[in-house]
Amino acid sequence: MESEKRTQILTLAKKKFERFGFHKTTVDEIARDANISKRTLYQEFENKEKILEELFMFEALSVRKAILNQINKIIDPAEKLQTFIRLALKYLDQNPFIVSVLHDESGFFKPFLKEKPHIIETGIEEMFVNILKEGIEQGVFRKMDEMVVGHCIFLLFKNLTYGRNSPSHPFGLNQTNEFIHFILHGVIHQQGKA
């Protein structure tokens, strides 16, 4: 099956999962929405769990590429850090199903996603670390261990977004601004201070 059709199946599956949940969505429904037979779908994807696994990685890599395309155009590391946080928060806000998979407290998705969420989280953390390193090299950010600080920023980011226990309290504009201000205040090199 050509790549465009696989992408279409993943897109349709995502819509179904978001609307009805993973449990209630059937392979029959996904195949019907994609205008293919169930047999054809099974030739591409072993089961519904494999669809989710590929969807999860497809989404994560797509958003990473889109965010990198945006932030790589920015020269100032402080602006780059702000933009990265805003874009990542916007993505999470617009993708409740992916958030539910990342926030999987029950461990339901762990058996078939295995280390995939960890791979995604490592990628997010690496982006924080790389921006910090760039800012240190340019003298915009204070001297620090970018690995440690990047990890701390990631943990704060995770806990304030998809890692919190109460998804009913969305991360609004005020919280986003406060978070960004807090992070920048901690990393920006102050004149006269090291």
Protein backbone atom coordinates (compact mmCIF):
# COMPACT_ATOMS: atom_id res chain seq x y z
CA MET A 1 0.00 0.00 0.00
CA GLU A 2 1.39 3.37 -0.92
CA SER A 3 2.53 5.78 1.77
CA GLU A 4 -0.35 8.20 1.08
CA LYS A 5 -2.91 5.48 1.86
CA ARG A 6 -1.10 4.50 5.09
CA THR A 7 -1.11 8.15 6.11
CA GLN A 8 -4.82 8.34 5.34
CA ILE A 9 -5.51 5.26 7.48
CA LEU A 10 -3.51 6.74 10.36
CA THR A 11 -5.32 10.07 10.07
CA LEU A 12 -8.73 8.38 10.05
CA ALA A 13 -7.75 6.13 12.96
CA LYS A 14 -6.63 9.16 14.97
CA LYS A 15 -10.00 10.85 14.42
CA LYS A 16 -11.82 7.70 15.54
CA PHE A 17 -9.59 7.22 18.58
CA GLU A 18 -10.05 10.86 19.60
CA ARG A 19 -13.81 10.77 19.17
CA PHE A 20 -14.69 7.33 20.50
CA GLY A 21 -11.57 6.18 22.35
CA PHE A 22 -9.23 3.35 21.54
CA HIS A 23 -11.42 0.63 23.10
CA LYS A 24 -14.59 1.54 21.23
CA THR A 25 -12.99 2.04 17.82
CA THR A 26 -12.95 -1.08 15.67
CA VAL A 27 -10.74 -2.10 12.77
CA ASP A 28 -13.94 -2.48 10.72
CA GLU A 29 -14.75 1.22 11.26
CA ILE A 30 -11.25 2.34 10.33
CA ALA A 31 -11.28 0.20 7.17
CA ARG A 32 -14.75 1.46 6.20
CA ASP A 33 -13.69 5.10 6.68
CA ALA A 34 -10.56 4.48 4.57
CA ASN A 35 -12.62 2.81 1.80
CA ILE A 36 -10.61 -0.39 1.99
CA SER A 37 -11.46 -3.91 3.05
CA LYS A 38 -10.68 -5.14 6.50
CA ARG A 39 -8.41 -7.74 4.87
CA THR A 40 -6.42 -5.00 3.10
CA LEU A 41 -6.03 -3.14 6.37
CA TYR A 42 -4.79 -6.31 8.09
CA GLN A 43 -2.21 -6.77 5.34
CA GLU A 44 -0.71 -3.45 6.39
CA PHE A 45 -1.34 -3.47 10.12
CA GLU A 46 -1.31 -6.63 12.18
CA ASN A 47 -3.97 -5.30 14.55
CA LYS A 48 -5.45 -2.14 16.05
CA GLU A 49 -2.54 -1.87 18.47
CA LYS A 50 -0.08 -1.71 15.55
CA ILE A 51 -2.15 1.08 14.03
CA LEU A 52 -1.87 2.97 17.32
CA GLU A 53 1.88 2.30 17.56
CA GLU A 54 2.53 3.62 14.07
CA LEU A 55 0.11 6.52 14.58
CA PHE A 56 1.88 7.54 17.78
CA MET A 57 5.30 7.60 16.13
CA PHE A 58 3.94 9.25 12.97
CA GLU A 59 2.35 12.04 15.02
CA ALA A 60 5.42 12.56 17.18
CA LEU A 61 7.83 12.69 14.26
CA SER A 62 5.53 14.95 12.23
CA VAL A 63 5.18 17.47 15.04
CA ARG A 64 8.91 17.34 15.78
CA LYS A 65 9.69 18.09 12.14
CA ALA A 66 7.15 20.94 12.04
CA ILE A 67 8.48 22.48 15.27
CA LEU A 68 12.10 22.15 14.14
CA ASN A 69 11.23 23.84 10.84
CA GLN A 70 9.82 26.77 12.79
CA ILE A 71 12.46 27.16 15.48
CA ASN A 72 15.45 26.60 13.19
CA LYS A 73 14.54 29.88 11.46
CA ILE A 74 15.00 31.75 14.75
CA ILE A 75 18.44 33.09 15.65
CA ASP A 76 17.88 34.25 19.25
CA PRO A 77 17.98 31.25 21.64
CA ALA A 78 15.57 32.89 24.12
CA GLU A 79 13.01 33.42 21.36
CA LYS A 80 13.70 29.88 20.11
CA LEU A 81 13.03 28.46 23.59
CA GLN A 82 9.78 30.44 23.92
CA THR A 83 8.61 29.40 20.47
CA PHE A 84 9.41 25.75 21.11
CA ILE A 85 7.39 25.76 24.34
CA ARG A 86 4.44 27.57 22.73
CA LEU A 87 4.37 25.26 19.69
CA ALA A 88 4.67 22.11 21.81
CA LEU A 89 1.88 23.29 24.11
CA LYS A 90 -0.31 24.18 21.14
CA TYR A 91 0.22 20.72 19.66
CA LEU A 92 -0.62 18.99 22.94
CA ASP A 93 -3.70 21.16 23.36
CA GLN A 94 -4.93 20.22 19.88
CA ASN A 95 -4.25 16.47 20.24
CA PRO A 96 -6.10 15.11 23.27
CA PHE A 97 -5.72 11.50 22.21
CA ILE A 98 -1.93 11.72 22.01
CA VAL A 99 -1.97 13.43 25.41
CA SER A 100 -4.04 10.57 26.83
CA VAL A 101 -1.51 8.07 25.48
CA LEU A 102 1.41 10.01 26.99
CA HIS A 103 -0.49 10.41 30.28
CA ASP A 104 -1.34 6.69 30.42
CA GLU A 105 -1.53 6.23 34.22
CA SER A 106 -3.30 2.90 33.89
CA GLY A 107 -0.48 1.42 31.85
CA PHE A 108 -2.96 0.22 29.23
CA PHE A 109 -0.87 1.34 26.25
CA LYS A 110 2.50 0.22 27.66
CA PRO A 111 2.37 -3.43 26.46
CA PHE A 112 2.18 -2.52 22.78
CA LEU A 113 3.81 0.91 22.73
CA LYS A 114 6.69 -0.36 24.86
CA GLU A 115 9.41 2.33 24.88
CA LYS A 116 7.84 4.60 22.25
CA PRO A 117 6.61 7.25 24.74
CA HIS A 118 10.08 7.31 26.30
CA ILE A 119 11.64 7.82 22.85
CA ILE A 120 9.31 10.76 22.24
CA GLU A 121 10.04 12.28 25.64
CA THR A 122 13.77 11.89 25.08
CA GLY A 123 13.36 13.80 21.82
CA ILE A 124 11.56 16.65 23.58
CA GLU A 125 14.25 16.80 26.24
CA GLU A 126 16.99 16.82 23.58
CA MET A 127 15.37 19.83 21.96
CA PHE A 128 15.47 21.70 25.28
CA VAL A 129 19.13 20.70 25.78
CA ASN A 130 20.13 21.78 22.26
CA ILE A 131 18.48 25.19 22.64
CA LEU A 132 20.18 25.69 26.01
CA LYS A 133 23.56 24.69 24.58
CA GLU A 134 23.12 27.13 21.70
CA GLY A 135 22.18 29.90 24.13
CA ILE A 136 25.23 29.22 26.31
CA GLU A 137 27.53 29.25 23.28
CA GLN A 138 26.08 32.60 22.17
CA GLY A 139 26.40 34.07 25.66
CA VAL A 140 22.64 34.63 25.92
CA PHE A 141 22.16 31.96 28.59
CA ARG A 142 24.24 31.68 31.74
CA LYS A 143 26.82 28.94 32.13
CA MET A 144 25.14 25.77 33.29
CA ASP A 145 25.07 22.03 32.78
CA GLU A 146 22.63 22.05 29.87
CA MET A 147 21.90 18.34 30.32
CA VAL A 148 20.76 18.79 33.93
CA VAL A 149 18.86 22.02 33.29
CA GLY A 150 17.32 20.61 30.08
CA HIS A 151 16.11 17.58 32.04
CA CYS A 152 14.63 19.81 34.74
CA ILE A 153 12.84 21.99 32.18
CA PHE A 154 11.50 18.87 30.47
CA LEU A 155 10.17 17.50 33.78
CA LEU A 156 8.46 20.81 34.53
CA PHE A 157 7.06 20.92 31.00
CA LYS A 158 5.79 17.34 31.27
CA ASN A 159 4.21 17.84 34.67
CA LEU A 160 2.52 21.07 33.67
CA THR A 161 1.12 19.58 30.46
CA TYR A 162 0.36 15.92 29.86
CA GLY A 163 1.89 14.61 33.08
CA ARG A 164 -0.50 16.27 35.48
CA ASN A 165 -3.24 14.35 37.21
CA SER A 166 -5.97 16.83 36.31
CA PRO A 167 -6.36 17.22 32.55
CA SER A 168 -9.60 19.11 33.26
CA HIS A 169 -7.51 22.23 34.01
CA PRO A 170 -6.10 23.26 30.62
CA PHE A 171 -2.79 25.04 30.37
CA GLY A 172 -3.99 28.50 29.34
CA LEU A 173 -2.21 31.57 28.04
CA ASN A 174 -1.44 32.94 31.53
CA GLN A 175 0.08 29.64 32.65
CA THR A 176 2.09 29.43 29.42
CA ASN A 177 3.43 32.94 29.88
CA GLU A 178 4.29 32.28 33.54
CA PHE A 179 6.06 29.05 32.65
CA ILE A 180 8.09 30.71 29.90
CA HIS A 181 8.94 33.67 32.15
CA PHE A 182 10.04 31.29 34.92
CA ILE A 183 12.27 29.26 32.58
CA LEU A 184 13.82 32.29 30.88
CA HIS A 185 14.46 34.02 34.19
CA GLY A 186 16.41 30.94 35.27
CA VAL A 187 18.55 30.57 32.15
CA ILE A 188 19.17 34.05 30.73
CA HIS A 189 22.57 35.48 31.43
CA GLN A 190 22.12 38.59 33.58
CA GLN A 191 24.58 41.44 32.99
CA GLY A 192 27.12 41.55 35.78
CA LYS A 193 26.25 38.00 36.94
CA ALA A 194 27.78 34.71 35.85
